Amino acid sequence: MMTRVAPPRLTVPDRDIPTQLAQPRQNQQSFAEVPANISIIEPIVLEVVIRIEEGGEVMVYEETTRILEGNITRQEAQILASSILEQWEFEPTYMGEQAVVQEYVLQLMITGD
C-alpha cells in the first residue's frame, strides 16, 4: 500500500501562526502496513485531524476521520488512518526556537500499489 500526504493544514489558521509548520520526516509518499481485515481495491482519500507533539509523535483524533473518496466504512477509515499515521514521525511545529504541540488537518491518499 502506498500513502501520499498533502501538506498539513492548521486546524485554526488565523490563531498563533507557527514560525515552522510540522512536516513528515519520511518522504511525502510512504509504504505502510495495512490491517489484515482492510482491503484496498480502489484509491481512498481520507481527511483526519491530528495532534503533533513537541517530539514529533502523532496522535490521531479518530472520530474526526472523513472519507473524501473510496468505498470504505467509517470504522475501517478510522482504523486505517490511525494505523498509517502511528507508523510516521514528524518534525515538530516551532514557535520561534520552541517546539510546540499543534493540531493539523491532514489528507491521506491511499492506493493498493
Protein backbone atom coordinates (compact mmCIF):
# COMPACT_ATOMS: atom_id res chain seq x y z
CA MET A 1 0.00 0.00 0.00
CA MET A 2 1.24 3.49 -0.78
CA THR A 3 0.17 6.61 1.09
CA ARG A 4 0.68 10.15 -0.12
CA VAL A 5 0.04 13.05 2.20
CA ALA A 6 -0.96 16.59 1.30
CA PRO A 7 0.85 19.33 3.25
CA PRO A 8 -0.61 19.58 6.78
CA ARG A 9 -3.04 22.49 7.36
CA LEU A 10 -3.56 24.21 10.70
CA THR A 11 -6.94 23.46 12.27
CA VAL A 12 -7.30 27.16 13.15
CA PRO A 13 -5.20 29.02 10.55
CA ASP A 14 -5.63 32.53 11.97
CA ARG A 15 -4.57 31.77 15.57
CA ASP A 16 -0.91 31.93 16.69
CA ILE A 17 0.79 31.22 13.37
CA PRO A 18 3.85 28.99 13.99
CA THR A 19 7.23 30.02 12.59
CA GLN A 20 7.71 26.48 11.25
CA LEU A 21 4.91 24.03 10.49
CA ALA A 22 5.31 20.32 11.23
CA GLN A 23 6.39 18.11 8.32
CA PRO A 24 6.60 14.33 7.91
CA ARG A 25 10.13 13.04 8.46
CA GLN A 26 9.70 10.46 5.72
CA ASN A 27 9.14 11.03 2.04
CA GLN A 28 5.77 12.54 1.04
CA GLN A 29 4.81 9.09 -0.17
CA SER A 30 5.32 6.12 2.04
CA PHE A 31 4.52 2.44 2.22
CA ALA A 32 2.78 1.23 5.33
CA GLU A 33 1.31 -1.94 6.76
CA VAL A 34 -2.45 -2.31 6.28
CA PRO A 35 -4.52 -4.05 8.95
CA ALA A 36 -5.29 -7.57 7.69
CA ASN A 37 -9.06 -7.04 7.71
CA ILE A 38 -8.97 -3.99 5.36
CA SER A 39 -8.67 -4.43 1.62
CA ILE A 40 -7.54 -1.52 -0.59
CA ILE A 41 -9.08 -2.16 -4.02
CA GLU A 42 -9.55 1.42 -5.24
CA PRO A 43 -7.90 4.69 -4.21
CA ILE A 44 -9.07 6.05 -0.87
CA VAL A 45 -8.80 9.66 0.28
CA LEU A 46 -9.21 10.38 3.99
CA GLU A 47 -9.07 13.59 5.97
CA VAL A 48 -8.26 13.48 9.66
CA VAL A 49 -7.32 15.85 12.47
CA ILE A 50 -4.05 15.01 14.21
CA ARG A 51 -2.04 16.44 17.06
CA ILE A 52 1.73 16.57 16.68
CA GLU A 53 3.59 16.64 19.99
CA GLU A 54 6.79 18.58 20.74
CA GLY A 55 8.86 15.49 19.93
CA GLY A 56 7.08 14.82 16.63
CA GLU A 57 4.84 12.00 17.87
CA VAL A 58 1.39 11.84 16.28
CA MET A 59 -1.97 11.46 17.99
CA VAL A 60 -4.91 10.82 15.66
CA TYR A 61 -8.37 12.05 16.58
CA GLU A 62 -10.11 9.01 15.06
CA GLU A 63 -13.60 10.48 15.44
CA THR A 64 -12.65 13.27 13.00
CA THR A 65 -11.82 10.89 10.14
CA ARG A 66 -13.75 11.79 6.97
CA ILE A 67 -13.95 9.67 3.83
CA LEU A 68 -13.49 12.00 0.85
CA GLU A 69 -13.16 9.26 -1.75
CA GLY A 70 -13.34 5.47 -1.84
CA ASN A 71 -15.53 2.60 -0.79
CA ILE A 72 -14.66 2.02 2.85
CA THR A 73 -16.67 2.08 6.08
CA ARG A 74 -16.18 4.84 8.63
CA GLN A 75 -14.78 2.35 11.13
CA GLU A 76 -12.31 0.98 8.56
CA ALA A 77 -11.30 4.55 7.68
CA GLN A 78 -10.60 5.34 11.35
CA ILE A 79 -8.51 2.19 11.79
CA LEU A 80 -6.65 2.77 8.53
CA ALA A 81 -5.80 6.42 9.28
CA SER A 82 -4.58 5.57 12.79
CA SER A 83 -2.54 2.55 11.69
CA ILE A 84 -0.78 4.56 8.96
CA LEU A 85 -0.09 7.69 10.99
CA GLU A 86 1.10 5.80 14.08
CA GLN A 87 3.96 4.48 11.92
CA TRP A 88 5.04 8.01 10.94
CA GLU A 89 7.25 10.58 12.61
CA PHE A 90 7.04 14.33 12.09
CA GLU A 91 9.36 17.25 12.54
CA PRO A 92 7.52 19.23 15.23
CA THR A 93 5.93 22.64 14.97
CA TYR A 94 8.04 25.57 16.16
CA MET A 95 7.10 28.93 17.62
CA GLY A 96 10.42 30.75 17.45
CA GLU A 97 13.01 28.32 18.85
CA GLN A 98 10.47 26.33 20.90
CA ALA A 99 8.84 23.09 19.70
CA VAL A 100 5.10 23.21 20.49
CA VAL A 101 2.07 20.94 20.31
CA GLN A 102 -0.10 21.76 17.30
CA GLU A 103 -3.25 20.33 15.69
CA TYR A 104 -3.44 19.86 11.93
CA VAL A 105 -5.86 18.68 9.28
CA LEU A 106 -4.15 16.03 7.18
CA GLN A 107 -5.33 14.48 3.92
CA LEU A 108 -4.16 10.95 3.07
CA MET A 109 -4.34 9.49 -0.44
CA ILE A 110 -4.06 5.69 -0.16
CA THR A 111 -3.61 3.22 -3.01
CA GLY A 112 -3.04 -0.50 -3.02
CA ASP A 113 0.12 -0.18 -5.17
